[in-house]
Amino acid sequence: FSPDGAVVVTGGEDAMVKLWSAEDGQCLETFVGHSLATKVRAVSCSPEGTLVASGSEDGCVKIWSTTSFACEATLRLETADGVG
């Protein structure tokens, strides 16, 4: 949920992150940018509600703006064996 409880953030097996209205269940926005061959496993809102972080199975964390709906940053996490 967003800090004000008005928006629900989900990530799924389709590699997409979606913002939903908590009031009526309508999809407000879809963020596309994770590899289609991977699943989004974690999502979180910033305390201000202006950013969403999403993490996928390929080791990427993306930071999305909830105002411009653009990907602001991509972090690629390395594993102990250098893959990721």
N, C-alpha and C. Protein backbone atom coordinates (compact mmCIF):
# COMPACT_ATOMS: atom_id res chain seq x y z
N PHE A 1 0.83 -1.20 0.00
CA PHE A 1 0.00 0.00 0.00
C PHE A 1 0.87 1.25 0.00
N SER A 2 0.35 2.32 -0.61
CA SER A 2 1.01 3.61 -0.50
C SER A 2 0.86 4.10 0.94
N PRO A 3 1.68 5.06 1.36
CA PRO A 3 1.58 5.54 2.75
C PRO A 3 0.18 6.02 3.15
N ASP A 4 -0.56 6.60 2.21
CA ASP A 4 -1.91 7.10 2.54
C ASP A 4 -2.99 6.03 2.38
N GLY A 5 -2.59 4.82 1.93
CA GLY A 5 -3.55 3.72 1.79
C GLY A 5 -4.42 3.78 0.56
N ALA A 6 -4.21 4.77 -0.31
CA ALA A 6 -5.07 4.95 -1.48
C ALA A 6 -4.67 4.06 -2.65
N VAL A 7 -3.41 3.60 -2.67
CA VAL A 7 -2.90 2.84 -3.82
C VAL A 7 -2.27 1.54 -3.33
N VAL A 8 -2.55 0.47 -4.05
CA VAL A 8 -1.94 -0.83 -3.81
C VAL A 8 -0.92 -1.06 -4.92
N VAL A 9 0.27 -1.52 -4.56
CA VAL A 9 1.32 -1.81 -5.53
C VAL A 9 1.51 -3.32 -5.60
N THR A 10 1.52 -3.86 -6.82
CA THR A 10 1.73 -5.30 -7.00
C THR A 10 2.82 -5.55 -8.03
N GLY A 11 3.47 -6.70 -7.90
CA GLY A 11 4.41 -7.19 -8.90
C GLY A 11 4.03 -8.62 -9.19
N GLY A 12 4.27 -9.06 -10.42
CA GLY A 12 3.79 -10.39 -10.73
C GLY A 12 4.67 -11.22 -11.64
N GLU A 13 4.14 -12.37 -11.99
CA GLU A 13 4.84 -13.31 -12.85
C GLU A 13 4.98 -12.80 -14.27
N ASP A 14 4.26 -11.74 -14.62
CA ASP A 14 4.35 -11.15 -15.96
C ASP A 14 5.44 -10.09 -16.06
N ALA A 15 6.27 -9.95 -15.01
CA ALA A 15 7.39 -9.00 -14.95
C ALA A 15 6.93 -7.54 -14.87
N MET A 16 5.67 -7.31 -14.59
CA MET A 16 5.15 -5.94 -14.51
C MET A 16 4.85 -5.54 -13.08
N VAL A 17 4.94 -4.24 -12.85
CA VAL A 17 4.58 -3.64 -11.57
C VAL A 17 3.36 -2.78 -11.84
N LYS A 18 2.34 -2.92 -11.00
CA LYS A 18 1.10 -2.17 -11.25
C LYS A 18 0.68 -1.40 -10.00
N LEU A 19 0.10 -0.24 -10.25
CA LEU A 19 -0.52 0.59 -9.21
C LEU A 19 -2.03 0.45 -9.36
N TRP A 20 -2.70 0.17 -8.26
CA TRP A 20 -4.15 -0.05 -8.25
C TRP A 20 -4.82 0.90 -7.27
N SER A 21 -5.99 1.36 -7.61
CA SER A 21 -6.80 2.15 -6.69
C SER A 21 -7.33 1.23 -5.60
N ALA A 22 -7.05 1.57 -4.35
CA ALA A 22 -7.57 0.77 -3.24
C ALA A 22 -9.08 0.96 -3.09
N GLU A 23 -9.58 2.06 -3.61
CA GLU A 23 -11.02 2.35 -3.49
C GLU A 23 -11.87 1.54 -4.45
N ASP A 24 -11.47 1.52 -5.74
CA ASP A 24 -12.34 0.85 -6.71
C ASP A 24 -11.66 -0.29 -7.49
N GLY A 25 -10.38 -0.57 -7.20
CA GLY A 25 -9.69 -1.68 -7.84
C GLY A 25 -9.23 -1.44 -9.27
N GLN A 26 -9.36 -0.23 -9.75
CA GLN A 26 -8.92 0.09 -11.11
C GLN A 26 -7.40 0.15 -11.19
N CYS A 27 -6.84 -0.34 -12.30
CA CYS A 27 -5.40 -0.22 -12.53
C CYS A 27 -5.10 1.23 -12.92
N LEU A 28 -4.22 1.87 -12.16
CA LEU A 28 -3.88 3.27 -12.39
C LEU A 28 -2.68 3.43 -13.31
N GLU A 29 -1.74 2.49 -13.21
CA GLU A 29 -0.52 2.58 -14.01
C GLU A 29 0.15 1.21 -14.04
N THR A 30 0.84 0.92 -15.15
CA THR A 30 1.63 -0.29 -15.29
C THR A 30 3.05 0.10 -15.63
N PHE A 31 3.99 -0.37 -14.83
CA PHE A 31 5.41 -0.13 -15.08
C PHE A 31 5.99 -1.34 -15.80
N VAL A 32 6.58 -1.12 -16.95
CA VAL A 32 7.19 -2.19 -17.74
C VAL A 32 8.68 -1.91 -17.82
N GLY A 33 9.51 -2.89 -17.52
CA GLY A 33 10.95 -2.67 -17.60
C GLY A 33 11.77 -3.82 -17.08
N HIS A 34 11.17 -4.68 -16.26
CA HIS A 34 11.88 -5.87 -15.82
C HIS A 34 11.94 -6.86 -16.99
N SER A 35 12.95 -7.71 -16.97
CA SER A 35 13.10 -8.74 -18.00
C SER A 35 11.85 -9.60 -18.04
N LEU A 36 11.33 -9.83 -19.23
CA LEU A 36 10.09 -10.61 -19.37
C LEU A 36 10.25 -12.06 -18.96
N ALA A 37 11.48 -12.53 -18.87
CA ALA A 37 11.71 -13.93 -18.49
C ALA A 37 11.80 -14.11 -16.97
N THR A 38 11.49 -13.08 -16.22
CA THR A 38 11.63 -13.15 -14.76
C THR A 38 10.35 -12.67 -14.08
N LYS A 39 10.24 -12.97 -12.80
CA LYS A 39 9.08 -12.56 -12.01
C LYS A 39 9.48 -11.44 -11.07
N VAL A 40 8.56 -10.49 -10.85
CA VAL A 40 8.77 -9.46 -9.84
C VAL A 40 8.37 -10.07 -8.51
N ARG A 41 9.31 -10.11 -7.57
CA ARG A 41 9.08 -10.80 -6.30
C ARG A 41 8.86 -9.86 -5.12
N ALA A 42 9.24 -8.58 -5.26
CA ALA A 42 9.10 -7.66 -4.12
C ALA A 42 8.79 -6.26 -4.64
N VAL A 43 7.92 -5.56 -3.92
CA VAL A 43 7.61 -4.16 -4.21
C VAL A 43 7.48 -3.40 -2.89
N SER A 44 7.81 -2.12 -2.93
CA SER A 44 7.69 -1.28 -1.73
C SER A 44 7.57 0.17 -2.14
N CYS A 45 6.79 0.93 -1.37
CA CYS A 45 6.64 2.37 -1.60
C CYS A 45 7.57 3.14 -0.68
N SER A 46 8.05 4.28 -1.16
CA SER A 46 8.82 5.17 -0.29
C SER A 46 7.88 5.79 0.74
N PRO A 47 8.43 6.29 1.86
CA PRO A 47 7.57 6.89 2.89
C PRO A 47 6.73 8.06 2.38
N GLU A 48 7.22 8.77 1.37
CA GLU A 48 6.47 9.90 0.81
C GLU A 48 5.46 9.46 -0.24
N GLY A 49 5.61 8.21 -0.74
CA GLY A 49 4.72 7.71 -1.78
C GLY A 49 5.10 8.15 -3.18
N THR A 50 6.25 8.79 -3.35
CA THR A 50 6.65 9.30 -4.67
C THR A 50 7.49 8.31 -5.46
N LEU A 51 7.97 7.25 -4.81
CA LEU A 51 8.79 6.25 -5.48
C LEU A 51 8.30 4.86 -5.11
N VAL A 52 8.48 3.94 -6.05
CA VAL A 52 8.21 2.53 -5.82
C VAL A 52 9.47 1.77 -6.20
N ALA A 53 9.88 0.85 -5.34
CA ALA A 53 11.00 -0.04 -5.66
C ALA A 53 10.43 -1.42 -5.97
N SER A 54 10.99 -2.06 -6.99
CA SER A 54 10.57 -3.41 -7.35
C SER A 54 11.80 -4.27 -7.58
N GLY A 55 11.74 -5.50 -7.09
CA GLY A 55 12.85 -6.43 -7.25
C GLY A 55 12.40 -7.67 -7.99
N SER A 56 13.23 -8.11 -8.92
CA SER A 56 12.88 -9.29 -9.72
C SER A 56 13.90 -10.40 -9.54
N GLU A 57 13.55 -11.57 -10.04
CA GLU A 57 14.38 -12.75 -9.88
C GLU A 57 15.74 -12.65 -10.57
N ASP A 58 15.88 -11.75 -11.54
CA ASP A 58 17.15 -11.62 -12.25
C ASP A 58 18.16 -10.75 -11.50
N GLY A 59 17.84 -10.35 -10.28
CA GLY A 59 18.76 -9.56 -9.47
C GLY A 59 18.68 -8.07 -9.71
N CYS A 60 17.66 -7.61 -10.42
CA CYS A 60 17.50 -6.18 -10.69
C CYS A 60 16.48 -5.57 -9.72
N VAL A 61 16.83 -4.39 -9.22
CA VAL A 61 15.91 -3.58 -8.45
C VAL A 61 15.69 -2.31 -9.26
N LYS A 62 14.44 -1.98 -9.51
CA LYS A 62 14.11 -0.77 -10.26
C LYS A 62 13.40 0.21 -9.34
N ILE A 63 13.72 1.48 -9.52
CA ILE A 63 13.08 2.56 -8.78
C ILE A 63 12.21 3.33 -9.76
N TRP A 64 10.92 3.39 -9.46
CA TRP A 64 9.94 4.02 -10.34
C TRP A 64 9.38 5.28 -9.70
N SER A 65 9.15 6.31 -10.49
CA SER A 65 8.50 7.54 -10.02
C SER A 65 6.99 7.37 -10.13
N THR A 66 6.27 7.72 -9.07
CA THR A 66 4.81 7.65 -9.12
C THR A 66 4.21 8.94 -9.66
N THR A 67 5.05 9.91 -10.01
CA THR A 67 4.55 11.14 -10.62
C THR A 67 4.80 11.18 -12.12
N SER A 68 6.01 10.78 -12.55
CA SER A 68 6.31 10.76 -13.99
C SER A 68 6.08 9.38 -14.59
N PHE A 69 5.94 8.35 -13.73
CA PHE A 69 5.74 6.96 -14.14
C PHE A 69 6.92 6.41 -14.94
N ALA A 70 8.10 6.98 -14.71
CA ALA A 70 9.31 6.55 -15.39
C ALA A 70 10.21 5.78 -14.44
N CYS A 71 11.06 4.93 -15.00
CA CYS A 71 12.07 4.25 -14.20
C CYS A 71 13.20 5.24 -13.93
N GLU A 72 13.42 5.54 -12.66
CA GLU A 72 14.44 6.52 -12.27
C GLU A 72 15.82 5.90 -12.13
N ALA A 73 15.89 4.61 -11.80
CA ALA A 73 17.18 3.94 -11.61
C ALA A 73 16.99 2.44 -11.69
N THR A 74 18.07 1.76 -12.10
CA THR A 74 18.11 0.31 -12.09
C THR A 74 19.38 -0.12 -11.37
N LEU A 75 19.23 -0.96 -10.38
CA LEU A 75 20.36 -1.51 -9.64
C LEU A 75 20.47 -2.98 -9.98
N ARG A 76 21.64 -3.39 -10.39
CA ARG A 76 21.87 -4.80 -10.68
C ARG A 76 22.69 -5.40 -9.55
N LEU A 77 22.14 -6.36 -8.87
CA LEU A 77 22.79 -6.95 -7.71
C LEU A 77 23.64 -8.13 -8.14
N GLU A 78 24.86 -8.16 -7.68
CA GLU A 78 25.78 -9.25 -7.96
C GLU A 78 25.61 -10.35 -6.91
N THR A 79 25.73 -11.57 -7.34
CA THR A 79 25.71 -12.69 -6.41
C THR A 79 27.15 -13.06 -6.06
N ALA A 80 27.34 -13.95 -5.14
CA ALA A 80 28.68 -14.34 -4.71
C ALA A 80 29.51 -14.91 -5.86
N ASP A 81 28.84 -15.52 -6.85
CA ASP A 81 29.59 -16.09 -7.96
C ASP A 81 29.71 -15.12 -9.14
N GLY A 82 29.31 -13.83 -8.93
CA GLY A 82 29.44 -12.82 -9.94
C GLY A 82 28.31 -12.79 -10.96
N VAL A 83 27.31 -13.61 -10.78
CA VAL A 83 26.17 -13.65 -11.69
C VAL A 83 25.03 -12.85 -11.09
N GLY A 84 24.33 -12.11 -11.91
CA GLY A 84 23.19 -11.37 -11.39
C GLY A 84 22.93 -10.09 -12.06
